[in-house]
N, C-alpha and C. Protein backbone atom coordinates (compact mmCIF):
# COMPACT_ATOMS: atom_id res chain seq x y z
N UNK A 1 71.42 75.59 106.80
CA UNK A 1 72.86 75.45 107.02
C UNK A 1 73.64 75.96 105.80
N UNK A 2 73.10 75.59 104.59
CA UNK A 2 73.77 76.03 103.37
C UNK A 2 73.72 77.55 103.28
N UNK A 3 72.55 78.12 103.62
CA UNK A 3 72.42 79.57 103.57
C UNK A 3 73.40 80.24 104.53
N UNK A 4 73.57 79.61 105.70
CA UNK A 4 74.49 80.18 106.70
C UNK A 4 75.92 80.16 106.18
N UNK A 5 76.31 79.03 105.56
CA UNK A 5 77.67 78.93 105.01
C UNK A 5 77.89 79.94 103.90
N UNK A 6 76.87 80.10 103.05
CA UNK A 6 76.98 81.08 101.98
C UNK A 6 77.10 82.49 102.54
N UNK A 7 76.39 82.76 103.63
CA UNK A 7 76.45 84.08 104.26
C UNK A 7 77.85 84.34 104.81
N UNK A 8 78.43 83.35 105.48
CA UNK A 8 79.78 83.49 106.03
C UNK A 8 80.79 83.70 104.91
N UNK A 9 80.66 82.92 103.84
CA UNK A 9 81.57 83.07 102.71
C UNK A 9 81.42 84.45 102.06
N UNK A 10 80.18 84.90 101.97
CA UNK A 10 79.93 86.22 101.39
C UNK A 10 80.54 87.33 102.20
N UNK A 11 80.41 87.23 103.54
CA UNK A 11 81.00 88.23 104.42
C UNK A 11 82.52 88.21 104.32
N UNK A 12 83.12 87.02 104.21
CA UNK A 12 84.58 86.92 104.10
C UNK A 12 85.07 87.58 102.82
N UNK A 13 84.35 87.33 101.72
CA UNK A 13 84.72 87.96 100.45
C UNK A 13 84.57 89.46 100.53
N UNK A 14 83.49 89.92 101.16
CA UNK A 14 83.24 91.36 101.29
C UNK A 14 84.33 92.03 102.11
N UNK A 15 84.70 91.41 103.24
CA UNK A 15 85.74 92.00 104.09
C UNK A 15 87.08 92.01 103.35
N UNK A 16 87.36 90.94 102.60
CA UNK A 16 88.60 90.89 101.85
C UNK A 16 88.65 91.99 100.80
N UNK A 17 87.51 92.23 100.15
CA UNK A 17 87.46 93.28 99.13
C UNK A 17 87.64 94.65 99.75
N UNK A 18 87.25 94.81 101.00
CA UNK A 18 87.37 96.10 101.68
C UNK A 18 88.78 96.33 102.22
N UNK A 19 89.64 95.33 102.07
CA UNK A 19 91.03 95.51 102.52
C UNK A 19 91.32 94.88 103.86
N UNK A 20 90.35 94.20 104.46
CA UNK A 20 90.58 93.53 105.73
C UNK A 20 91.24 92.18 105.49
N UNK A 21 92.04 91.74 106.45
CA UNK A 21 92.71 90.45 106.34
C UNK A 21 92.36 89.62 107.56
N UNK A 22 91.74 88.47 107.34
CA UNK A 22 91.38 87.61 108.44
C UNK A 22 92.62 86.96 109.02
N UNK A 23 92.66 86.81 110.33
CA UNK A 23 93.80 86.18 110.99
C UNK A 23 93.89 84.71 110.59
N UNK A 24 95.14 84.25 110.45
CA UNK A 24 95.35 82.85 110.22
C UNK A 24 95.21 82.39 108.79
N UNK A 25 94.91 83.30 107.87
CA UNK A 25 94.75 82.89 106.47
C UNK A 25 96.10 82.72 105.79
N UNK A 26 97.14 83.34 106.35
CA UNK A 26 98.48 83.18 105.80
C UNK A 26 98.80 84.12 104.66
N UNK A 27 97.84 84.94 104.26
CA UNK A 27 98.05 85.82 103.11
C UNK A 27 99.11 86.86 103.41
N UNK A 28 99.09 87.39 104.63
CA UNK A 28 100.03 88.46 104.99
C UNK A 28 101.06 87.98 106.00
N UNK A 29 101.33 86.67 106.06
CA UNK A 29 102.28 86.15 107.03
C UNK A 29 103.68 86.67 106.73
N UNK A 30 104.33 87.17 107.77
CA UNK A 30 105.71 87.64 107.66
C UNK A 30 106.59 86.76 108.52
N UNK A 31 107.80 86.48 108.03
CA UNK A 31 108.74 85.72 108.85
C UNK A 31 109.38 86.61 109.91
N UNK A 32 109.29 87.92 109.70
CA UNK A 32 109.76 88.88 110.71
C UNK A 32 108.65 89.04 111.74
N UNK A 33 108.92 88.71 112.98
CA UNK A 33 107.88 88.74 114.00
C UNK A 33 108.02 89.92 114.95
N UNK A 34 109.13 90.65 114.86
CA UNK A 34 109.35 91.83 115.70
C UNK A 34 109.90 92.95 114.84
N UNK A 35 109.33 94.13 115.00
CA UNK A 35 109.74 95.24 114.15
C UNK A 35 109.43 96.57 114.82
N UNK A 36 110.37 97.48 114.75
CA UNK A 36 110.13 98.85 115.17
C UNK A 36 109.67 99.63 113.94
N UNK A 37 108.88 100.65 114.15
CA UNK A 37 108.32 101.40 113.03
C UNK A 37 108.33 102.88 113.37
N UNK A 38 108.85 103.69 112.45
CA UNK A 38 108.85 105.13 112.67
C UNK A 38 108.66 105.84 111.34
N UNK A 39 108.26 107.11 111.42
CA UNK A 39 108.06 107.90 110.21
C UNK A 39 108.29 109.36 110.55
N UNK A 40 108.57 110.14 109.52
CA UNK A 40 108.75 111.58 109.72
C UNK A 40 107.48 112.17 110.33
N UNK A 41 106.34 111.76 109.79
CA UNK A 41 105.05 112.15 110.36
C UNK A 41 104.58 111.01 111.25
N UNK A 42 104.93 111.06 112.53
CA UNK A 42 104.69 109.95 113.44
C UNK A 42 103.22 109.61 113.61
N UNK A 43 102.34 110.57 113.34
CA UNK A 43 100.90 110.34 113.53
C UNK A 43 100.15 110.36 112.20
N UNK A 44 100.87 110.19 111.10
CA UNK A 44 100.25 110.20 109.79
C UNK A 44 99.42 108.96 109.53
N UNK A 45 98.56 109.04 108.52
CA UNK A 45 97.67 107.94 108.18
C UNK A 45 98.46 106.71 107.73
N UNK A 46 99.51 106.92 106.95
CA UNK A 46 100.25 105.78 106.41
C UNK A 46 100.90 104.95 107.50
N UNK A 47 101.63 105.58 108.40
CA UNK A 47 102.32 104.84 109.46
C UNK A 47 101.31 104.23 110.43
N UNK A 48 100.20 104.92 110.68
CA UNK A 48 99.18 104.40 111.58
C UNK A 48 98.53 103.14 111.00
N UNK A 49 98.15 103.20 109.73
CA UNK A 49 97.52 102.05 109.09
C UNK A 49 98.50 100.90 108.90
N UNK A 50 99.76 101.22 108.57
CA UNK A 50 100.77 100.18 108.40
C UNK A 50 101.02 99.45 109.72
N UNK A 51 101.06 100.19 110.81
CA UNK A 51 101.25 99.56 112.12
C UNK A 51 100.11 98.59 112.42
N UNK A 52 98.89 99.00 112.10
CA UNK A 52 97.74 98.15 112.35
C UNK A 52 97.79 96.87 111.50
N UNK A 53 98.16 97.01 110.23
CA UNK A 53 98.25 95.85 109.35
C UNK A 53 99.35 94.90 109.82
N UNK A 54 100.48 95.45 110.25
CA UNK A 54 101.57 94.62 110.76
C UNK A 54 101.13 93.84 112.00
N UNK A 55 100.47 94.52 112.92
CA UNK A 55 100.01 93.86 114.14
C UNK A 55 98.95 92.80 113.83
N UNK A 56 98.06 93.08 112.86
CA UNK A 56 97.06 92.10 112.46
C UNK A 56 97.69 90.89 111.78
N UNK A 57 98.91 91.07 111.27
CA UNK A 57 99.62 89.98 110.60
C UNK A 57 100.52 89.21 111.58
N UNK A 58 100.40 89.51 112.86
CA UNK A 58 101.15 88.77 113.86
C UNK A 58 102.52 89.33 114.19
N UNK A 59 102.79 90.56 113.74
CA UNK A 59 104.09 91.18 114.02
C UNK A 59 103.97 92.04 115.28
N UNK A 60 104.91 91.87 116.18
CA UNK A 60 104.95 92.71 117.38
C UNK A 60 105.73 93.97 117.05
N UNK A 61 105.03 95.10 117.07
CA UNK A 61 105.63 96.39 116.71
C UNK A 61 105.94 97.16 118.00
N UNK A 62 107.22 97.40 118.25
CA UNK A 62 107.59 98.10 119.48
C UNK A 62 108.97 98.74 119.32
N UNK A 63 109.20 99.78 120.11
CA UNK A 63 110.51 100.45 120.11
C UNK A 63 111.55 99.52 120.72
N UNK A 64 112.71 99.43 120.06
CA UNK A 64 113.77 98.58 120.56
C UNK A 64 113.79 97.20 119.92
N UNK A 65 112.93 96.96 118.92
CA UNK A 65 112.93 95.69 118.22
C UNK A 65 114.25 95.53 117.46
N UNK A 66 114.63 94.28 117.13
CA UNK A 66 115.92 94.05 116.46
C UNK A 66 116.08 94.82 115.14
N UNK A 67 114.97 95.00 114.44
CA UNK A 67 115.01 95.72 113.16
C UNK A 67 113.97 96.83 113.17
N UNK A 68 114.28 97.87 112.41
CA UNK A 68 113.42 99.06 112.40
C UNK A 68 113.09 99.46 110.97
N UNK A 69 111.80 99.63 110.70
CA UNK A 69 111.35 100.12 109.40
C UNK A 69 111.10 101.62 109.53
N UNK A 70 111.83 102.39 108.74
CA UNK A 70 111.73 103.85 108.80
C UNK A 70 111.08 104.35 107.51
N UNK A 71 109.94 105.01 107.63
CA UNK A 71 109.32 105.66 106.47
C UNK A 71 109.99 107.02 106.34
N UNK A 72 111.00 107.08 105.50
CA UNK A 72 111.87 108.25 105.42
C UNK A 72 111.12 109.48 104.91
N UNK A 73 110.32 109.29 103.86
CA UNK A 73 109.62 110.44 103.28
C UNK A 73 108.42 109.94 102.47
N UNK A 74 107.38 110.75 102.44
CA UNK A 74 106.19 110.43 101.66
C UNK A 74 105.74 111.71 100.94
N UNK A 75 105.65 111.62 99.63
CA UNK A 75 105.30 112.80 98.84
C UNK A 75 104.05 112.52 97.99
N UNK A 76 103.10 113.44 98.06
CA UNK A 76 101.91 113.36 97.23
C UNK A 76 101.96 114.49 96.20
N UNK A 77 101.81 114.12 94.93
CA UNK A 77 101.83 115.12 93.87
C UNK A 77 100.66 114.87 92.92
N UNK A 78 100.36 115.87 92.12
CA UNK A 78 99.37 115.69 91.06
C UNK A 78 99.72 116.61 89.90
N UNK A 79 99.39 116.14 88.71
CA UNK A 79 99.67 116.95 87.52
C UNK A 79 98.55 116.72 86.50
N UNK A 80 98.31 117.75 85.71
CA UNK A 80 97.28 117.67 84.67
C UNK A 80 97.80 116.90 83.47
N UNK A 81 97.04 115.92 83.04
CA UNK A 81 97.39 115.17 81.84
C UNK A 81 96.72 115.77 80.60
N UNK A 82 95.62 116.46 80.84
CA UNK A 82 94.91 117.10 79.74
C UNK A 82 94.18 118.32 80.26
N UNK A 83 93.99 119.29 79.41
CA UNK A 83 93.27 120.51 79.77
C UNK A 83 91.95 120.51 79.02
N UNK A 84 90.85 120.58 79.79
CA UNK A 84 89.53 120.45 79.20
C UNK A 84 89.00 121.81 78.77
N UNK A 85 88.20 121.76 77.74
CA UNK A 85 87.50 122.98 77.32
C UNK A 85 86.29 123.17 78.22
N UNK A 86 85.58 124.24 78.03
CA UNK A 86 84.44 124.56 78.89
C UNK A 86 83.42 123.43 78.89
N UNK A 87 82.99 123.04 80.09
CA UNK A 87 81.96 122.02 80.21
C UNK A 87 82.45 120.59 80.13
N UNK A 88 83.78 120.38 80.01
CA UNK A 88 84.32 119.03 79.93
C UNK A 88 85.32 118.78 81.06
N UNK A 89 85.48 117.50 81.40
CA UNK A 89 86.39 117.14 82.50
C UNK A 89 87.81 116.97 81.97
N UNK A 90 88.77 117.23 82.83
CA UNK A 90 90.18 117.03 82.48
C UNK A 90 90.73 115.85 83.29
N UNK A 91 91.77 115.22 82.77
CA UNK A 91 92.40 114.09 83.46
C UNK A 91 93.55 114.59 84.33
N UNK A 92 93.56 114.11 85.56
CA UNK A 92 94.59 114.48 86.52
C UNK A 92 95.27 113.21 87.04
N UNK A 93 96.60 113.21 87.04
CA UNK A 93 97.35 112.08 87.56
C UNK A 93 97.76 112.34 89.00
N UNK A 94 97.34 111.45 89.89
CA UNK A 94 97.73 111.53 91.30
C UNK A 94 98.88 110.56 91.54
N UNK A 95 99.84 110.97 92.30
CA UNK A 95 101.00 110.12 92.57
C UNK A 95 101.40 110.22 94.04
N UNK A 96 101.75 109.07 94.61
CA UNK A 96 102.28 109.04 95.97
C UNK A 96 103.58 108.24 95.96
N UNK A 97 104.63 108.84 96.48
CA UNK A 97 105.94 108.22 96.53
C UNK A 97 106.36 108.04 97.98
N UNK A 98 106.66 106.79 98.36
CA UNK A 98 107.08 106.48 99.72
C UNK A 98 108.50 105.94 99.69
N UNK A 99 109.39 106.60 100.40
CA UNK A 99 110.77 106.15 100.53
C UNK A 99 110.95 105.54 101.93
N UNK A 100 111.56 104.35 101.97
CA UNK A 100 111.70 103.67 103.25
C UNK A 100 113.09 103.07 103.41
N UNK A 101 113.40 102.72 104.64
CA UNK A 101 114.71 102.14 104.97
C UNK A 101 114.54 101.15 106.11
N UNK A 102 115.25 100.05 106.02
CA UNK A 102 115.27 99.07 107.11
C UNK A 102 116.60 99.19 107.82
N UNK A 103 116.55 99.42 109.12
CA UNK A 103 117.76 99.58 109.93
C UNK A 103 117.93 98.39 110.87
N UNK A 104 119.18 98.09 111.20
CA UNK A 104 119.49 97.00 112.13
C UNK A 104 120.13 97.51 113.39
N UNK A 105 121.04 96.72 113.93
CA UNK A 105 121.72 97.13 115.16
C UNK A 105 122.51 98.42 114.95
N UNK A 106 122.58 99.21 116.00
CA UNK A 106 123.32 100.48 115.97
C UNK A 106 122.79 101.43 114.89
N UNK A 107 121.52 101.26 114.54
CA UNK A 107 120.85 102.13 113.54
C UNK A 107 121.53 102.07 112.18
N UNK A 108 122.24 100.99 111.89
CA UNK A 108 122.91 100.86 110.60
C UNK A 108 121.88 100.55 109.51
N UNK A 109 121.91 101.27 108.40
CA UNK A 109 120.96 100.98 107.31
C UNK A 109 121.30 99.66 106.63
N UNK A 110 120.32 98.78 106.53
CA UNK A 110 120.52 97.49 105.88
C UNK A 110 120.07 97.51 104.43
N UNK A 111 119.00 98.23 104.16
CA UNK A 111 118.49 98.34 102.80
C UNK A 111 117.53 99.52 102.72
N UNK A 112 117.33 100.01 101.52
CA UNK A 112 116.39 101.11 101.32
C UNK A 112 115.80 101.02 99.93
N UNK A 113 114.60 101.52 99.77
CA UNK A 113 113.95 101.48 98.46
C UNK A 113 112.80 102.49 98.47
N UNK A 114 112.04 102.50 97.39
CA UNK A 114 110.89 103.39 97.31
C UNK A 114 109.73 102.67 96.63
N UNK A 115 108.53 103.10 96.96
CA UNK A 115 107.31 102.55 96.37
C UNK A 115 106.50 103.71 95.83
N UNK A 116 106.00 103.56 94.63
CA UNK A 116 105.21 104.63 94.01
C UNK A 116 103.88 104.07 93.51
N UNK A 117 102.82 104.80 93.79
CA UNK A 117 101.48 104.44 93.32
C UNK A 117 100.92 105.63 92.55
N UNK A 118 100.34 105.33 91.38
CA UNK A 118 99.78 106.39 90.54
C UNK A 118 98.36 106.03 90.11
N UNK A 119 97.50 107.02 90.07
CA UNK A 119 96.12 106.85 89.60
C UNK A 119 95.74 108.08 88.77
N UNK A 120 94.85 107.85 87.81
CA UNK A 120 94.33 108.95 86.99
C UNK A 120 92.85 109.15 87.29
N UNK A 121 92.47 110.39 87.57
CA UNK A 121 91.07 110.72 87.85
C UNK A 121 90.63 111.85 86.92
N UNK A 122 89.33 111.94 86.75
CA UNK A 122 88.77 113.03 85.95
C UNK A 122 88.35 114.16 86.87
N UNK A 123 88.74 115.37 86.49
CA UNK A 123 88.43 116.54 87.30
C UNK A 123 87.45 117.43 86.54
N UNK A 124 86.26 117.54 87.09
CA UNK A 124 85.20 118.31 86.45
C UNK A 124 85.19 119.73 87.00
N UNK A 125 85.53 120.67 86.15
CA UNK A 125 85.54 122.06 86.59
C UNK A 125 84.18 122.60 86.96
N UNK A 126 83.12 121.94 86.48
CA UNK A 126 81.76 122.38 86.80
C UNK A 126 81.23 121.73 88.08
N UNK A 127 82.00 120.79 88.64
CA UNK A 127 81.58 120.11 89.87
C UNK A 127 82.79 119.93 90.76
N UNK A 128 83.28 121.04 91.29
CA UNK A 128 84.51 121.03 92.08
C UNK A 128 84.37 120.20 93.35
N UNK A 129 83.20 120.30 94.00
CA UNK A 129 82.99 119.56 95.25
C UNK A 129 83.05 118.06 94.99
N UNK A 130 82.35 117.61 93.95
CA UNK A 130 82.35 116.19 93.61
C UNK A 130 83.73 115.71 93.20
N UNK A 131 84.44 116.53 92.44
CA UNK A 131 85.78 116.15 91.99
C UNK A 131 86.75 116.05 93.17
N UNK A 132 86.66 117.01 94.09
CA UNK A 132 87.54 116.98 95.26
C UNK A 132 87.24 115.77 96.13
N UNK A 133 85.98 115.41 96.26
CA UNK A 133 85.61 114.23 97.05
C UNK A 133 86.17 112.96 96.42
N UNK A 134 86.13 112.91 95.09
CA UNK A 134 86.67 111.74 94.39
C UNK A 134 88.18 111.65 94.59
N UNK A 135 88.87 112.79 94.55
CA UNK A 135 90.32 112.80 94.76
C UNK A 135 90.65 112.28 96.15
N UNK A 136 89.88 112.71 97.15
CA UNK A 136 90.12 112.26 98.53
C UNK A 136 89.93 110.75 98.63
N UNK A 137 88.88 110.24 97.99
CA UNK A 137 88.62 108.81 98.02
C UNK A 137 89.71 108.02 97.31
N UNK A 138 90.16 108.52 96.16
CA UNK A 138 91.23 107.85 95.41
C UNK A 138 92.54 107.86 96.20
N UNK A 139 92.81 108.96 96.91
CA UNK A 139 94.01 109.04 97.74
C UNK A 139 93.98 107.96 98.82
N UNK A 140 92.81 107.71 99.39
CA UNK A 140 92.67 106.67 100.41
C UNK A 140 92.96 105.30 99.81
N UNK A 141 92.43 105.06 98.61
CA UNK A 141 92.68 103.79 97.93
C UNK A 141 94.17 103.63 97.62
N UNK A 142 94.79 104.72 97.22
CA UNK A 142 96.23 104.68 96.91
C UNK A 142 97.04 104.36 98.16
N UNK A 143 96.63 104.90 99.30
CA UNK A 143 97.34 104.62 100.55
C UNK A 143 97.22 103.14 100.90
N UNK A 144 96.03 102.56 100.72
CA UNK A 144 95.85 101.14 100.99
C UNK A 144 96.74 100.30 100.07
N UNK A 145 96.82 100.69 98.80
CA UNK A 145 97.68 99.97 97.86
C UNK A 145 99.14 100.12 98.23
N UNK A 146 99.52 101.30 98.69
CA UNK A 146 100.89 101.57 99.12
C UNK A 146 101.27 100.63 100.27
N UNK A 147 100.37 100.49 101.22
CA UNK A 147 100.62 99.64 102.39
C UNK A 147 100.68 98.17 101.97
N UNK A 148 99.82 97.76 101.04
CA UNK A 148 99.86 96.39 100.55
C UNK A 148 101.19 96.09 99.88
N UNK A 149 101.69 97.05 99.09
CA UNK A 149 102.99 96.85 98.44
C UNK A 149 104.12 96.81 99.46
N UNK A 150 104.00 97.63 100.52
CA UNK A 150 105.00 97.61 101.57
C UNK A 150 105.02 96.25 102.26
N UNK A 151 103.85 95.68 102.49
CA UNK A 151 103.77 94.37 103.12
C UNK A 151 104.38 93.29 102.22
N UNK A 152 104.16 93.41 100.91
CA UNK A 152 104.76 92.44 99.98
C UNK A 152 106.28 92.52 100.02
N UNK A 153 106.81 93.74 100.14
CA UNK A 153 108.27 93.90 100.25
C UNK A 153 108.79 93.23 101.52
N UNK A 154 108.06 93.43 102.61
CA UNK A 154 108.48 92.86 103.89
C UNK A 154 108.37 91.34 103.88
N UNK A 155 107.38 90.80 103.14
CA UNK A 155 107.23 89.36 103.06
C UNK A 155 108.44 88.70 102.42
N UNK A 156 109.14 89.45 101.56
CA UNK A 156 110.30 88.89 100.87
C UNK A 156 111.53 88.82 101.77
N UNK A 157 111.48 89.52 102.90
CA UNK A 157 112.62 89.54 103.81
C UNK A 157 112.50 88.42 104.84
N UNK A 158 113.59 87.69 105.03
CA UNK A 158 113.64 86.65 106.05
C UNK A 158 114.66 87.04 107.11
N UNK A 159 114.57 86.47 108.30
CA UNK A 159 115.58 86.76 109.34
C UNK A 159 117.00 86.44 108.86
N UNK A 160 117.14 85.39 108.04
CA UNK A 160 118.47 85.03 107.54
C UNK A 160 119.02 86.12 106.61
N UNK A 161 118.16 86.64 105.74
CA UNK A 161 118.58 87.72 104.84
C UNK A 161 118.94 88.97 105.62
N UNK A 162 118.14 89.28 106.62
CA UNK A 162 118.41 90.47 107.43
C UNK A 162 119.72 90.33 108.21
N UNK A 163 119.98 89.13 108.71
CA UNK A 163 121.22 88.90 109.45
C UNK A 163 122.42 89.03 108.52
N UNK A 164 122.27 88.56 107.28
CA UNK A 164 123.35 88.70 106.30
C UNK A 164 123.58 90.17 105.96
N UNK A 165 122.50 90.91 105.80
CA UNK A 165 122.61 92.35 105.56
C UNK A 165 123.25 93.06 106.75
N UNK A 166 122.93 92.57 107.97
CA UNK A 166 123.52 93.16 109.17
C UNK A 166 125.02 92.92 109.21
N UNK A 167 125.46 91.71 108.84
CA UNK A 167 126.89 91.41 108.82
C UNK A 167 127.61 92.30 107.81
N UNK A 168 127.00 92.49 106.65
CA UNK A 168 127.59 93.35 105.63
C UNK A 168 127.71 94.78 106.14
N UNK A 169 126.64 95.26 106.79
CA UNK A 169 126.64 96.63 107.33
C UNK A 169 127.68 96.77 108.44
N UNK A 170 127.78 95.75 109.30
CA UNK A 170 128.77 95.78 110.38
C UNK A 170 130.19 95.84 109.82
N UNK A 171 130.45 95.01 108.80
CA UNK A 171 131.79 94.99 108.19
C UNK A 171 132.12 96.33 107.53
N UNK A 172 131.13 96.91 106.87
CA UNK A 172 131.35 98.21 106.23
C UNK A 172 131.63 99.29 107.27
N UNK A 173 130.84 99.27 108.35
CA UNK A 173 131.04 100.27 109.41
C UNK A 173 132.40 100.10 110.07
N UNK A 174 132.82 98.84 110.28
CA UNK A 174 134.13 98.58 110.89
C UNK A 174 135.25 99.05 109.97
N UNK A 175 135.12 98.77 108.66
CA UNK A 175 136.15 99.19 107.70
C UNK A 175 136.27 100.70 107.67
N UNK A 176 135.13 101.39 107.71
CA UNK A 176 135.16 102.85 107.70
C UNK A 176 135.77 103.39 108.99
N UNK A 177 135.46 102.75 110.13
CA UNK A 177 136.02 103.19 111.41
C UNK A 177 137.53 102.96 111.44
N UNK A 178 137.97 101.80 110.91
CA UNK A 178 139.41 101.49 110.88
C UNK A 178 140.15 102.47 109.98
N UNK A 179 139.54 102.80 108.84
CA UNK A 179 140.18 103.74 107.91
C UNK A 179 140.29 105.12 108.54
N UNK A 180 139.25 105.53 109.25
CA UNK A 180 139.27 106.82 109.92
C UNK A 180 140.32 106.86 111.02
N UNK A 181 140.42 105.73 111.77
CA UNK A 181 141.41 105.65 112.85
C UNK A 181 142.83 105.69 112.28
N UNK A 182 143.05 104.98 111.17
CA UNK A 182 144.37 104.95 110.56
C UNK A 182 144.76 106.33 110.03
N UNK A 183 143.79 107.02 109.44
CA UNK A 183 144.06 108.37 108.93
C UNK A 183 144.39 109.32 110.08
N UNK A 184 143.68 109.15 111.21
CA UNK A 184 143.94 110.02 112.36
C UNK A 184 145.31 109.74 112.95
N UNK A 185 145.69 108.45 113.04
CA UNK A 185 147.00 108.08 113.57
C UNK A 185 148.12 108.59 112.67
N UNK A 186 147.90 108.49 111.35
CA UNK A 186 148.91 108.99 110.41
C UNK A 186 149.11 110.48 110.58
N UNK A 187 148.00 111.19 110.75
CA UNK A 187 148.08 112.64 110.92
C UNK A 187 148.78 113.01 112.22
N UNK A 188 148.46 112.22 113.27
CA UNK A 188 149.07 112.50 114.58
C UNK A 188 150.56 112.22 114.58
N UNK A 189 151.00 111.22 113.81
CA UNK A 189 152.41 110.82 113.81
C UNK A 189 153.25 111.56 112.76
N UNK A 190 152.61 112.33 111.92
CA UNK A 190 153.34 113.08 110.91
C UNK A 190 153.91 114.35 111.53
N UNK A 191 155.26 114.53 111.43
CA UNK A 191 155.85 115.73 112.03
C UNK A 191 155.25 117.00 111.43
N UNK A 192 154.93 117.88 112.31
CA UNK A 192 154.37 119.15 111.85
C UNK A 192 155.51 120.09 111.48
N UNK A 193 155.44 120.64 110.29
CA UNK A 193 156.48 121.57 109.86
C UNK A 193 156.22 122.93 110.50
N UNK A 194 157.31 123.45 111.09
CA UNK A 194 157.18 124.79 111.68
C UNK A 194 157.14 125.82 110.57
N UNK A 195 156.46 126.88 110.78
CA UNK A 195 156.38 127.93 109.75
C UNK A 195 157.77 128.45 109.40
N UNK A 196 158.01 128.67 108.10
CA UNK A 196 159.31 129.16 107.64
C UNK A 196 159.42 130.63 107.98
N UNK A 197 160.55 130.94 108.64
CA UNK A 197 160.79 132.35 108.99
C UNK A 197 161.53 133.03 107.87
N UNK A 198 160.95 134.04 107.33
CA UNK A 198 161.57 134.79 106.23
C UNK A 198 162.41 135.91 106.85
N UNK A 199 163.72 135.90 106.59
CA UNK A 199 164.56 136.95 107.21
C UNK A 199 164.16 138.33 106.67
N UNK A 200 164.12 139.24 107.60
CA UNK A 200 163.78 140.61 107.24
C UNK A 200 165.06 141.38 106.91
N UNK A 201 165.19 141.89 105.72
CA UNK A 201 166.46 142.61 105.36
C UNK A 201 166.66 143.84 106.24
N UNK A 202 167.94 144.01 106.63
CA UNK A 202 168.29 145.18 107.46
C UNK A 202 168.63 146.35 106.56
N UNK A 203 167.96 147.43 106.79
CA UNK A 203 168.22 148.63 105.98
C UNK A 203 169.49 149.31 106.45
């Protein structure tokens, strides 16, 4: 029995280390239970994995939900931190930047921010295949970290906070619409000056 319990605990730790989240543990619980999700790359790895993590956390992800998470842009870059001499590895910094926005009713933006993940890897000019494989693996780890950070951001949002942000956005949109209407009415009611006729001198 003890061996069985140890085996179960070992498997739980292993799955947790691999990035899996067991249901009901409360680690990834969100107070937002309904969310729409979209991205510029609708079939990209980030949006696909994020959707899966959200659903595993008890969030119903569907079009038409009260709030929408938009992955506005995702950029992957890399730059050399050092240049190696012959036979030595150089350090390369990998970076992924994710810009996102939360929208409410009428597609009004409620908030926006960005998340950035950076890692440094060694690039061996004498082993390009191995170095490229390591970069691919590190990129996968960075994506998992990116999604974890995104989930932490979402955990901080409550329905009450979102509703307050919605009211602020509604008031701002109404003020802008009223100002535009007033400007249009002023323009419509302002007498239009007829062009000045310049008398032509008679020769």
